[in-house]
Amino acid sequence: MSSPVITLPESLSVPQELKHKSYMPHPIHIGTHTSDYIRQSHNGFYQYFYDEIFPQIVPPPYGSIEIEQLSMRKRVYCIKEQTQNLEVVVKTYKQGINSFKDAWRCAEREYFNLQLLRNKLGMDRGDCRVVQPLGKNKHPLSVLVTEKVNGELFDSHIARAVHEQQHQQLFQSLSLLAHFFSELHHNGMSNKPVSSNLSQQYLAGICNSLNDCLMDAHNRYTIERLAGRWLNKDGVFSGDTDVVVHGDATPTNFFIDEKGVIAIDLERMKLADRCWDIGFIAAELKHHFMWRAGDRWAAEPYIGHFLWNYAVNCKDSQFFHYLTNKLPLYMALGLLRIARNNWLDVWYRKELIAEATRCLKYGL
């Protein structure tokens, strides 16, 4: 079955300087895997690319565009212009439960975060980069438009290590990722001492989001009791200051290319404990080897490699001991976060909660 076609009406404005016969908008081809959400968008949404996005890359003429959804779990789309082979990525924030005001606030926040990192913290070049924002548009979808990143997702390197025994590639990728985080955290250092407040609030929110079939009252009491001991443990939150953290450190938010690492999805960037990123990457490694290989110990060499390389990049080998001293707390938070994913089997989500409990017991 061929893809449906939406033809842009002639009434849509085109800048005078771009009113050329070969430039005038062409049909929009929407891929069969694209959600109804994007199909129902106002045609002005597509005109936006002809008017404001494509001219940033190359001058007209432009041809028809195709739209494909990149993820079944996220409203992220690739816009492909056919004449000059242009590709950009669109992230939408209006997702039913969000008000238009909240959606636009999210779009503006991520756009600002990317601009800050690229223009103020030097993460627009070299081996530690964040994706380039090309624009944001409030109506009708509250969208952020970025460049399309080349390279491979970090997630695919984990999968190959598990299924194809390409262990060396994963070690190399983790070295690059450790360097990326050391640069991000060093460039974004603050004078604010690290505290337990954010971790405490996050734990409460996570526990509230896990329903009774996953975490009964006894499980919750055990987790909160153990976490409370970590949150009040002497020395866990002393000796460091908050840094800029990515805030959503998952394997699908980092690309690896021949130059290094490119980060995407900076909506949750904030000032926090550096272990917010480090611990969540460790939790993701633990999860992926449990989920894909059924082995909860198989990730340990990779976690150790990642932590050691991060400490070395921070030019303080003693920092390794500082990180490992509180890593179990942040790994537990990361595992509980992963357990919220309802596309995972219930039995496995319970196993993630059990592993989070084991992490919290470790080191106390």
Protein backbone atom coordinates (compact mmCIF):
# COMPACT_ATOMS: atom_id res chain seq x y z
CA MET A 1 0.00 0.00 0.00
CA SER A 2 1.38 3.42 -0.93
CA SER A 3 1.86 6.12 1.68
CA PRO A 4 -0.90 8.74 1.99
CA VAL A 5 -0.17 12.14 0.49
CA ILE A 6 -1.05 15.55 1.95
CA THR A 7 -0.84 18.46 -0.50
CA LEU A 8 -0.02 21.84 1.00
CA PRO A 9 -2.58 24.54 0.14
CA GLU A 10 -1.49 27.46 -2.04
CA SER A 11 -2.61 29.90 0.66
CA LEU A 12 0.38 29.05 2.85
CA SER A 13 2.88 31.88 2.71
CA VAL A 14 6.29 31.54 1.09
CA PRO A 15 8.93 34.24 1.61
CA GLN A 16 9.11 36.62 -1.38
CA GLU A 17 12.81 35.96 -1.95
CA LEU A 18 12.11 32.23 -2.16
CA LYS A 19 9.11 32.38 -4.51
CA HIS A 20 10.63 30.30 -7.27
CA LYS A 21 8.72 27.78 -9.33
CA SER A 22 10.96 24.89 -8.33
CA TYR A 23 10.80 25.85 -4.65
CA MET A 24 7.06 25.94 -4.12
CA PRO A 25 6.03 23.19 -1.66
CA HIS A 26 5.59 19.66 -2.89
CA PRO A 27 3.43 16.78 -1.62
CA ILE A 28 4.21 15.39 1.83
CA HIS A 29 4.66 11.62 1.97
CA ILE A 30 3.93 10.20 5.42
CA GLY A 31 5.38 6.78 6.12
CA THR A 32 3.05 3.92 6.96
CA HIS A 33 4.71 3.50 10.38
CA THR A 34 4.12 7.12 11.35
CA SER A 35 1.56 7.66 14.10
CA ASP A 36 -1.85 9.25 13.57
CA TYR A 37 -0.66 12.06 15.82
CA ILE A 38 1.65 13.44 13.12
CA ARG A 39 -0.78 12.61 10.29
CA GLN A 40 -3.41 14.88 11.80
CA SER A 41 -1.08 17.87 12.16
CA HIS A 42 -1.88 21.14 10.45
CA ASN A 43 -0.17 21.62 7.09
CA GLY A 44 1.56 24.72 8.48
CA PHE A 45 3.75 22.32 10.43
CA TYR A 46 5.29 21.07 7.18
CA GLN A 47 5.60 24.53 5.67
CA TYR A 48 7.80 25.45 8.62
CA PHE A 49 10.60 23.23 7.25
CA TYR A 50 10.56 24.91 3.85
CA ASP A 51 10.52 28.39 5.37
CA GLU A 52 12.90 28.13 8.32
CA ILE A 53 14.77 24.83 8.59
CA PHE A 54 15.99 23.79 5.15
CA PRO A 55 17.39 27.28 4.28
CA GLN A 56 19.78 26.93 7.26
CA ILE A 57 21.37 23.93 5.54
CA VAL A 58 21.29 24.71 1.79
CA PRO A 59 19.44 27.24 -0.41
CA PRO A 60 16.38 26.17 -2.44
CA PRO A 61 14.97 24.62 -4.55
CA TYR A 62 13.48 21.93 -2.33
CA GLY A 63 11.42 18.92 -3.27
CA SER A 64 8.87 16.74 -1.55
CA ILE A 65 9.47 15.49 1.97
CA GLU A 66 8.93 12.12 3.59
CA ILE A 67 8.17 11.64 7.26
CA GLU A 68 9.07 8.49 9.19
CA GLN A 69 8.69 7.78 12.89
CA LEU A 70 12.07 6.79 14.38
CA SER A 71 10.82 5.14 17.56
CA MET A 72 7.61 3.32 18.41
CA ARG A 73 7.88 4.51 22.02
CA LYS A 74 8.74 8.16 21.37
CA ARG A 75 7.22 10.78 19.10
CA VAL A 76 10.43 11.45 17.22
CA TYR A 77 10.43 11.70 13.43
CA CYS A 78 12.86 11.97 10.55
CA ILE A 79 11.98 14.58 7.93
CA LYS A 80 13.58 13.71 4.58
CA GLU A 81 13.70 16.24 1.75
CA GLN A 82 13.99 14.41 -1.56
CA THR A 83 15.61 16.85 -4.01
CA GLN A 84 18.76 17.69 -2.02
CA ASN A 85 18.69 14.69 0.31
CA LEU A 86 18.26 16.74 3.48
CA GLU A 87 17.43 14.98 6.74
CA VAL A 88 16.47 16.53 10.07
CA VAL A 89 14.94 15.12 13.24
CA VAL A 90 11.77 16.40 14.88
CA LYS A 91 10.85 15.78 18.50
CA THR A 92 7.29 16.56 19.56
CA TYR A 93 6.27 17.27 23.14
CA LYS A 94 2.47 17.43 22.97
CA GLN A 95 1.53 13.89 24.02
CA GLY A 96 -2.06 13.87 25.15
CA ILE A 97 -1.55 14.30 28.90
CA ASN A 98 0.63 17.39 28.46
CA SER A 99 -1.00 20.78 28.09
CA PHE A 100 0.18 22.94 25.19
CA LYS A 101 1.78 25.27 27.72
CA ASP A 102 3.75 22.44 29.33
CA ALA A 103 4.71 20.98 25.97
CA TRP A 104 6.08 24.28 24.73
CA ARG A 105 7.97 24.77 27.98
CA CYS A 106 9.66 21.39 27.44
CA ALA A 107 10.60 22.28 23.86
CA GLU A 108 12.04 25.62 24.92
CA ARG A 109 13.96 24.04 27.79
CA GLU A 110 15.67 21.48 25.58
CA TYR A 111 16.47 24.06 22.92
CA PHE A 112 18.03 26.29 25.59
CA ASN A 113 19.99 23.37 27.06
CA LEU A 114 21.47 22.45 23.70
CA GLN A 115 22.41 26.06 22.94
CA LEU A 116 24.02 26.42 26.36
CA LEU A 117 26.12 23.30 25.99
CA ARG A 118 27.21 24.12 22.46
CA ASN A 119 27.79 27.87 22.81
CA LYS A 120 28.95 28.20 26.42
CA LEU A 121 30.46 24.84 27.33
CA GLY A 122 32.17 24.10 24.02
CA MET A 123 30.28 20.92 23.17
CA ASP A 124 29.69 21.81 19.53
CA ARG A 125 32.86 20.21 18.16
CA GLY A 126 35.56 17.63 18.83
CA ASP A 127 34.96 14.25 20.41
CA CYS A 128 32.36 15.37 22.99
CA ARG A 129 29.35 16.94 21.30
CA VAL A 130 25.64 17.47 21.67
CA VAL A 131 23.25 17.51 18.74
CA GLN A 132 22.80 20.82 16.91
CA PRO A 133 19.37 22.44 17.35
CA LEU A 134 17.94 23.99 14.18
CA GLY A 135 14.73 25.46 15.49
CA LYS A 136 11.67 25.23 17.71
CA ASN A 137 8.05 25.82 16.76
CA LYS A 138 5.14 26.31 19.12
CA HIS A 139 2.20 25.65 16.81
CA PRO A 140 0.66 23.25 16.39
CA LEU A 141 2.81 20.55 17.98
CA SER A 142 5.48 22.23 20.16
CA VAL A 143 8.48 20.75 18.37
CA LEU A 144 12.25 20.84 18.51
CA VAL A 145 14.15 20.35 15.24
CA THR A 146 17.76 19.13 15.27
CA GLU A 147 20.33 17.84 12.86
CA LYS A 148 20.19 14.13 12.08
CA VAL A 149 23.16 12.54 13.79
CA ASN A 150 25.36 10.06 11.98
CA GLY A 151 26.91 7.20 13.85
CA GLU A 152 25.65 4.21 15.82
CA LEU A 153 23.60 4.19 18.96
CA PHE A 154 25.49 3.12 22.07
CA ASP A 155 22.63 0.64 22.56
CA SER A 156 23.72 -1.31 19.46
CA HIS A 157 27.24 -1.71 20.88
CA ILE A 158 25.80 -3.26 24.03
CA ALA A 159 23.65 -5.62 21.94
CA ARG A 160 26.64 -6.76 19.89
CA ALA A 161 28.68 -7.41 23.02
CA VAL A 162 25.89 -9.62 24.35
CA HIS A 163 24.86 -11.46 21.19
CA GLU A 164 28.02 -11.40 19.04
CA GLN A 165 30.72 -11.27 21.72
CA GLN A 166 32.09 -7.98 20.37
CA HIS A 167 33.41 -7.11 23.80
CA GLN A 168 36.27 -4.88 22.70
CA GLN A 169 33.95 -2.54 20.83
CA LEU A 170 31.87 -2.04 23.97
CA PHE A 171 34.97 -1.37 26.09
CA GLN A 172 36.08 1.23 23.55
CA SER A 173 32.64 2.85 23.48
CA LEU A 174 32.56 3.01 27.27
CA SER A 175 35.97 4.73 27.25
CA LEU A 176 34.56 7.35 24.87
CA LEU A 177 31.42 7.73 26.98
CA ALA A 178 33.48 8.13 30.17
CA HIS A 179 35.45 10.89 28.45
CA PHE A 180 32.21 12.58 27.34
CA PHE A 181 30.80 12.64 30.85
CA SER A 182 34.07 13.84 32.37
CA GLU A 183 34.06 16.78 29.92
CA LEU A 184 30.38 17.57 30.50
CA HIS A 185 30.75 17.46 34.27
CA HIS A 186 34.05 19.37 34.34
CA ASN A 187 32.79 22.13 32.04
CA GLY A 188 29.54 22.38 34.00
CA MET A 189 30.88 22.49 37.56
CA SER A 190 29.07 24.64 40.12
CA ASN A 191 29.83 25.87 43.63
CA LYS A 192 26.77 24.18 45.11
CA PRO A 193 27.61 21.26 47.45
CA VAL A 194 26.05 17.92 46.54
CA SER A 195 23.07 16.98 48.69
CA SER A 196 20.71 14.03 49.03
CA ASN A 197 17.55 16.06 48.38
CA LEU A 198 17.14 15.28 44.68
CA SER A 199 17.79 11.56 45.18
CA GLN A 200 15.27 11.44 48.00
CA GLN A 201 12.59 13.16 45.92
CA TYR A 202 13.31 10.94 42.93
CA LEU A 203 13.04 7.77 45.02
CA ALA A 204 9.63 8.82 46.33
CA GLY A 205 8.39 9.55 42.81
CA ILE A 206 9.67 6.24 41.44
CA CYS A 207 8.08 4.22 44.24
CA ASN A 208 4.77 6.01 43.71
CA SER A 209 4.87 5.16 40.00
CA LEU A 210 5.37 1.41 40.57
CA ASN A 211 1.98 -0.18 41.19
CA ASP A 212 1.15 -2.84 43.76
CA CYS A 213 1.55 -5.74 41.35
CA LEU A 214 5.22 -4.80 41.01
CA MET A 215 6.05 -3.46 44.45
CA ASP A 216 3.93 -4.35 47.47
CA ALA A 217 4.02 -2.48 50.78
CA HIS A 218 6.75 -4.73 52.19
CA ASN A 219 9.00 -4.27 49.13
CA ARG A 220 8.53 -0.52 49.27
CA TYR A 221 9.27 -0.38 52.99
CA THR A 222 12.47 -2.39 52.48
CA ILE A 223 13.68 -0.18 49.62
CA GLU A 224 12.87 3.06 51.43
CA ARG A 225 14.53 1.84 54.62
CA LEU A 226 17.73 0.80 52.83
CA ALA A 227 17.81 3.95 50.70
CA GLY A 228 17.30 6.05 53.82
CA ARG A 229 20.45 4.57 55.31
CA TRP A 230 22.37 5.52 52.16
CA LEU A 231 20.90 9.01 52.12
CA ASN A 232 22.02 9.57 55.72
CA LYS A 233 25.33 7.72 55.51
CA ASP A 234 28.35 9.82 56.50
CA GLY A 235 30.58 10.87 53.62
CA VAL A 236 28.28 9.78 50.77
CA PHE A 237 27.35 13.31 49.74
CA SER A 238 30.36 15.24 50.99
CA GLY A 239 33.46 16.37 49.14
CA ASP A 240 31.88 17.26 45.79
CA THR A 241 29.73 19.90 44.12
CA ASP A 242 26.82 19.69 41.72
CA VAL A 243 27.64 19.59 38.01
CA VAL A 244 25.65 19.79 34.81
CA VAL A 245 24.31 16.30 34.18
CA HIS A 246 22.63 14.89 31.10
CA GLY A 247 19.76 13.74 33.28
CA ASP A 248 18.52 10.92 31.02
CA ALA A 249 21.60 8.76 30.51
CA THR A 250 20.23 5.80 28.55
CA PRO A 251 21.93 3.85 25.71
CA THR A 252 19.55 5.32 23.12
CA ASN A 253 20.54 8.90 23.92
CA PHE A 254 24.18 8.61 22.80
CA PHE A 255 25.62 8.09 19.33
CA ILE A 256 29.16 6.87 18.67
CA ASP A 257 30.96 7.93 15.48
CA GLU A 258 34.56 8.08 14.28
CA LYS A 259 35.13 11.31 16.24
CA GLY A 260 33.60 10.39 19.56
CA VAL A 261 30.22 10.78 21.29
CA ILE A 262 27.18 12.85 20.33
CA ALA A 263 24.44 13.23 22.95
CA ILE A 264 20.77 13.80 22.22
CA ASP A 265 17.63 14.28 24.34
CA LEU A 266 18.81 16.93 26.81
CA GLU A 267 15.33 17.78 28.06
CA ARG A 268 16.16 16.64 31.62
CA MET A 269 19.55 18.32 31.90
CA LYS A 270 20.10 19.89 35.34
CA LEU A 271 22.57 20.61 38.11
CA ALA A 272 22.97 17.49 40.23
CA ASP A 273 25.40 14.94 41.62
CA ARG A 274 27.64 13.60 38.84
CA CYS A 275 26.63 10.09 39.88
CA TRP A 276 23.20 10.84 38.47
CA ASP A 277 24.73 10.11 35.05
CA ILE A 278 27.42 7.64 36.11
CA GLY A 279 25.09 5.49 38.20
CA PHE A 280 22.36 5.42 35.57
CA ILE A 281 24.78 4.24 32.87
CA ALA A 282 25.94 1.51 35.26
CA ALA A 283 22.30 0.55 35.88
CA GLU A 284 21.64 0.41 32.14
CA LEU A 285 24.61 -1.91 31.62
CA LYS A 286 23.41 -4.15 34.45
CA HIS A 287 19.89 -4.21 32.97
CA HIS A 288 20.93 -4.95 29.38
CA PHE A 289 23.06 -7.95 30.34
CA MET A 290 20.33 -9.24 32.65
CA TRP A 291 17.65 -8.74 30.01
CA ARG A 292 19.55 -9.91 26.94
CA ALA A 293 21.81 -12.58 28.44
CA GLY A 294 20.02 -13.55 31.66
CA ASP A 295 23.19 -12.89 33.68
CA ARG A 296 23.18 -10.24 36.40
CA TRP A 297 26.96 -10.45 36.86
CA ALA A 298 28.03 -10.21 33.20
CA ALA A 299 28.04 -6.39 33.18
CA GLU A 300 30.52 -6.03 36.05
CA PRO A 301 33.71 -5.80 33.92
CA TYR A 302 32.12 -3.10 31.77
CA ILE A 303 30.86 -1.12 34.74
CA GLY A 304 34.31 -1.23 36.34
CA HIS A 305 35.95 -0.18 33.08
CA PHE A 306 33.57 2.75 32.69
CA LEU A 307 34.09 3.97 36.27
CA TRP A 308 37.87 3.68 36.10
CA ASN A 309 38.06 5.55 32.79
CA TYR A 310 35.83 8.29 34.14
CA ALA A 311 38.08 8.71 37.17
CA VAL A 312 41.21 8.76 34.99
CA ASN A 313 39.65 11.37 32.71
CA CYS A 314 38.95 13.44 35.82
CA LYS A 315 42.74 13.17 36.48
CA ASP A 316 42.21 11.72 39.94
CA SER A 317 42.48 7.95 40.36
CA GLN A 318 41.22 8.32 43.94
CA PHE A 319 37.98 9.55 42.44
CA PHE A 320 37.27 5.92 41.54
CA HIS A 321 36.83 5.10 45.23
CA TYR A 322 34.62 8.15 45.75
CA LEU A 323 32.35 7.01 42.91
CA THR A 324 32.12 3.39 43.98
CA ASN A 325 31.34 4.48 47.54
CA LYS A 326 27.91 5.74 46.50
CA LEU A 327 27.33 4.01 43.18
CA PRO A 328 24.95 1.36 44.64
CA LEU A 329 22.43 4.07 45.56
CA TYR A 330 22.34 5.56 42.07
CA MET A 331 22.37 2.16 40.39
CA ALA A 332 19.33 1.23 42.47
CA LEU A 333 17.54 4.42 41.40
CA GLY A 334 18.41 3.64 37.78
CA LEU A 335 17.15 0.06 38.00
CA LEU A 336 13.89 1.21 39.60
CA ARG A 337 13.48 3.71 36.80
CA ILE A 338 13.91 0.98 34.17
CA ALA A 339 11.35 -1.15 36.02
CA ARG A 340 8.70 1.46 35.20
CA ASN A 341 8.82 0.49 31.50
CA ASN A 342 5.56 -1.32 30.88
CA TRP A 343 6.79 -2.88 27.65
CA LEU A 344 9.02 -5.16 29.74
CA ASP A 345 7.55 -8.41 31.09
CA VAL A 346 6.13 -8.13 34.60
CA TRP A 347 8.36 -10.90 35.96
CA TYR A 348 11.44 -9.13 34.66
CA ARG A 349 10.36 -5.78 36.08
CA LYS A 350 10.07 -7.49 39.46
CA GLU A 351 13.59 -8.85 39.00
CA LEU A 352 14.86 -5.32 38.37
CA ILE A 353 13.26 -4.22 41.64
CA ALA A 354 14.88 -7.16 43.40
CA GLU A 355 18.26 -6.25 41.90
CA ALA A 356 17.78 -2.63 43.03
CA THR A 357 17.17 -3.94 46.55
CA ARG A 358 20.36 -6.00 46.38
CA CYS A 359 22.29 -2.90 45.26
CA LEU A 360 21.02 -0.94 48.22
CA LYS A 361 22.07 -3.72 50.62
CA TYR A 362 25.58 -3.77 49.16
CA GLY A 363 28.10 -1.65 51.04
CA LEU A 364 25.93 -0.82 54.06
